[in-house]
């Protein structure tokens, strides 16, 4: 399964491990429970989905992991598929602009 509308670095790429740990921490903070909203399958047959978690134990507020990863600079907005995501690509584009402006993750000045 892939997170719809985003492209995170692979483990062997720069910040790949950081991206994996960010995703794990978001899921762990939600008590390891996720809500999948499937979209479709990509060209490789992988399911594309939006993934939601609760904002924390004891709360009903939900966070969109796809957005959280891009906003933290741990993934790029993947425009090719974002229009197929249930929430569309606008929020992912905004999240990427925020991460770039703050020089987070992928957008860190080197």
C-alpha atoms as a PDB file:
ATOM      1  CA  UNK A   1       0.000   0.000   0.000  1.00  0.00           C
ATOM      2  CA  UNK A   2       1.129   3.551  -0.759  1.00  0.00           C
ATOM      3  CA  UNK A   3       0.009   6.769   0.852  1.00  0.00           C
ATOM      4  CA  UNK A   4      -2.021   8.523  -1.830  1.00  0.00           C
ATOM      5  CA  UNK A   5      -0.552  11.707  -3.279  1.00  0.00           C
ATOM      6  CA  UNK A   6       2.851  11.553  -1.620  1.00  0.00           C
ATOM      7  CA  UNK A   7       6.297  10.194  -2.409  1.00  0.00           C
ATOM      8  CA  UNK A   8       8.505   9.402   0.578  1.00  0.00           C
ATOM      9  CA  UNK A   9      12.200   8.568   0.220  1.00  0.00           C
ATOM     10  CA  UNK A  10      13.137   4.882   0.210  1.00  0.00           C
ATOM     11  CA  UNK A  11      15.184   3.495   3.096  1.00  0.00           C
ATOM     12  CA  UNK A  12      18.462   3.711   1.177  1.00  0.00           C
ATOM     13  CA  UNK A  13      17.902   7.357   0.221  1.00  0.00           C
ATOM     14  CA  UNK A  14      18.711  10.459   2.289  1.00  0.00           C
ATOM     15  CA  UNK A  15      16.243  10.825   5.193  1.00  0.00           C
ATOM     16  CA  UNK A  16      14.581   7.517   4.259  1.00  0.00           C
ATOM     17  CA  UNK A  17      15.071   6.196   7.785  1.00  0.00           C
ATOM     18  CA  UNK A  18      13.836   9.479   9.265  1.00  0.00           C
ATOM     19  CA  UNK A  19      10.689   9.283   7.134  1.00  0.00           C
ATOM     20  CA  UNK A  20      10.019   5.716   8.274  1.00  0.00           C
ATOM     21  CA  UNK A  21      10.488   6.708  11.920  1.00  0.00           C
ATOM     22  CA  UNK A  22       8.170   9.719  11.530  1.00  0.00           C
ATOM     23  CA  UNK A  23       5.463   7.482  10.072  1.00  0.00           C
ATOM     24  CA  UNK A  24       5.944   4.933  12.857  1.00  0.00           C
ATOM     25  CA  UNK A  25       5.753   7.628  15.531  1.00  0.00           C
ATOM     26  CA  UNK A  26       2.489   9.011  14.142  1.00  0.00           C
ATOM     27  CA  UNK A  27       0.942   5.543  14.074  1.00  0.00           C
ATOM     28  CA  UNK A  28       2.275   4.664  17.536  1.00  0.00           C
ATOM     29  CA  UNK A  29       0.907   7.896  19.046  1.00  0.00           C
ATOM     30  CA  UNK A  30      -2.520   6.850  17.780  1.00  0.00           C
ATOM     31  CA  UNK A  31      -2.352   3.501  19.540  1.00  0.00           C
ATOM     32  CA  UNK A  32      -1.354   1.657  16.359  1.00  0.00           C
ATOM     33  CA  UNK A  33      -4.827   2.032  14.872  1.00  0.00           C
ATOM     34  CA  UNK A  34      -5.334   3.494  11.417  1.00  0.00           C
ATOM     35  CA  UNK A  35      -8.290   4.189   9.164  1.00  0.00           C
ATOM     36  CA  UNK A  36      -7.694   3.482   5.472  1.00  0.00           C
ATOM     37  CA  UNK A  37      -9.636   5.329   2.794  1.00  0.00           C
ATOM     38  CA  UNK A  38      -8.719   3.480  -0.415  1.00  0.00           C
ATOM     39  CA  UNK A  39      -8.539   5.357  -3.683  1.00  0.00           C
ATOM     40  CA  UNK A  40      -7.353   3.041  -6.466  1.00  0.00           C
ATOM     41  CA  UNK A  41      -4.312   1.058  -7.525  1.00  0.00           C
ATOM     42  CA  UNK A  42      -1.189   2.560  -9.085  1.00  0.00           C
ATOM     43  CA  UNK A  43       0.587   1.347 -12.230  1.00  0.00           C
ATOM     44  CA  UNK A  44       2.323  -1.371 -10.151  1.00  0.00           C
ATOM     45  CA  UNK A  45      -0.904  -2.635  -8.645  1.00  0.00           C
ATOM     46  CA  UNK A  46      -0.266  -1.118  -5.211  1.00  0.00           C
ATOM     47  CA  UNK A  47      -3.277   0.197  -3.350  1.00  0.00           C
ATOM     48  CA  UNK A  48      -3.309   3.989  -2.981  1.00  0.00           C
ATOM     49  CA  UNK A  49      -5.019   5.205   0.173  1.00  0.00           C
ATOM     50  CA  UNK A  50      -5.409   8.094   2.515  1.00  0.00           C
ATOM     51  CA  UNK A  51      -4.536   6.990   6.022  1.00  0.00           C
ATOM     52  CA  UNK A  52      -5.992   8.605   9.119  1.00  0.00           C
ATOM     53  CA  UNK A  53      -5.006   8.186  12.764  1.00  0.00           C
ATOM     54  CA  UNK A  54      -6.404   9.723  15.906  1.00  0.00           C
ATOM     55  CA  UNK A  55      -4.529  12.800  17.059  1.00  0.00           C
ATOM     56  CA  UNK A  56      -3.669  10.997  20.298  1.00  0.00           C
ATOM     57  CA  UNK A  57      -4.998   8.543  22.806  1.00  0.00           C
ATOM     58  CA  UNK A  58      -8.273   9.677  24.298  1.00  0.00           C
ATOM     59  CA  UNK A  59      -9.223  12.010  21.439  1.00  0.00           C
ATOM     60  CA  UNK A  60     -11.534  11.609  18.474  1.00  0.00           C
ATOM     61  CA  UNK A  61      -9.720  14.172  16.324  1.00  0.00           C
ATOM     62  CA  UNK A  62      -8.165  12.563  13.258  1.00  0.00           C
ATOM     63  CA  UNK A  63      -4.931  13.368  11.435  1.00  0.00           C
ATOM     64  CA  UNK A  64      -4.281  12.573   7.790  1.00  0.00           C
ATOM     65  CA  UNK A  65      -0.915  10.788   7.720  1.00  0.00           C
ATOM     66  CA  UNK A  66      -0.376  11.714   4.079  1.00  0.00           C
ATOM     67  CA  UNK A  67      -0.573  15.406   5.020  1.00  0.00           C
ATOM     68  CA  UNK A  68       1.463  15.026   8.221  1.00  0.00           C
ATOM     69  CA  UNK A  69       4.341  13.363   6.358  1.00  0.00           C
ATOM     70  CA  UNK A  70       4.506  16.101   3.708  1.00  0.00           C
ATOM     71  CA  UNK A  71       4.130  18.908   6.256  1.00  0.00           C
ATOM     72  CA  UNK A  72       7.061  17.473   8.247  1.00  0.00           C
ATOM     73  CA  UNK A  73       9.217  17.395   5.108  1.00  0.00           C
ATOM     74  CA  UNK A  74       9.363  13.590   5.189  1.00  0.00           C
ATOM     75  CA  UNK A  75       7.663  13.202   1.791  1.00  0.00           C
ATOM     76  CA  UNK A  76       6.975  15.177  -1.369  1.00  0.00           C
ATOM     77  CA  UNK A  77       3.594  16.015  -2.820  1.00  0.00           C
ATOM     78  CA  UNK A  78       3.218  13.492  -5.667  1.00  0.00           C
ATOM     79  CA  UNK A  79       1.111  15.505  -8.089  1.00  0.00           C
ATOM     80  CA  UNK A  80       0.655  12.657 -10.579  1.00  0.00           C
ATOM     81  CA  UNK A  81      -1.675  10.810  -8.195  1.00  0.00           C
ATOM     82  CA  UNK A  82      -2.926  13.447  -5.787  1.00  0.00           C
ATOM     83  CA  UNK A  83      -5.980  14.319  -7.872  1.00  0.00           C
ATOM     84  CA  UNK A  84      -7.131  10.721  -7.335  1.00  0.00           C
ATOM     85  CA  UNK A  85      -6.995  11.029  -3.549  1.00  0.00           C
ATOM     86  CA  UNK A  86     -10.341  11.461  -1.782  1.00  0.00           C
ATOM     87  CA  UNK A  87      -9.250  14.812  -0.275  1.00  0.00           C
ATOM     88  CA  UNK A  88      -7.480  15.955  -3.446  1.00  0.00           C
ATOM     89  CA  UNK A  89      -4.017  17.413  -3.772  1.00  0.00           C
ATOM     90  CA  UNK A  90      -4.544  20.989  -2.612  1.00  0.00           C
ATOM     91  CA  UNK A  91      -3.861  20.249   1.045  1.00  0.00           C
ATOM     92  CA  UNK A  92      -0.757  18.254   0.107  1.00  0.00           C
ATOM     93  CA  UNK A  93       0.536  21.121  -2.038  1.00  0.00           C
ATOM     94  CA  UNK A  94      -0.021  23.510   0.890  1.00  0.00           C
ATOM     95  CA  UNK A  95       1.768  21.127   3.267  1.00  0.00           C
ATOM     96  CA  UNK A  96       4.754  20.933   0.922  1.00  0.00           C
ATOM     97  CA  UNK A  97       4.969  24.723   0.698  1.00  0.00           C
ATOM     98  CA  UNK A  98       4.959  24.922   4.510  1.00  0.00           C
ATOM     99  CA  UNK A  99       7.769  22.358   4.781  1.00  0.00           C
ATOM    100  CA  UNK A 100       9.808  24.159   2.121  1.00  0.00           C
ATOM    101  CA  UNK A 101       9.340  27.532   3.831  1.00  0.00           C
ATOM    102  CA  UNK A 102      10.510  26.049   7.143  1.00  0.00           C
ATOM    103  CA  UNK A 103      13.345  24.057   5.506  1.00  0.00           C
ATOM    104  CA  UNK A 104      12.137  20.797   7.030  1.00  0.00           C
ATOM    105  CA  UNK A 105      13.299  17.291   6.129  1.00  0.00           C
ATOM    106  CA  UNK A 106      13.769  17.025   2.374  1.00  0.00           C
ATOM    107  CA  UNK A 107      13.885  20.798   2.157  1.00  0.00           C
ATOM    108  CA  UNK A 108      16.686  21.331   4.692  1.00  0.00           C
ATOM    109  CA  UNK A 109      19.289  23.762   3.384  1.00  0.00           C
ATOM    110  CA  UNK A 110      22.518  21.873   2.821  1.00  0.00           C
END
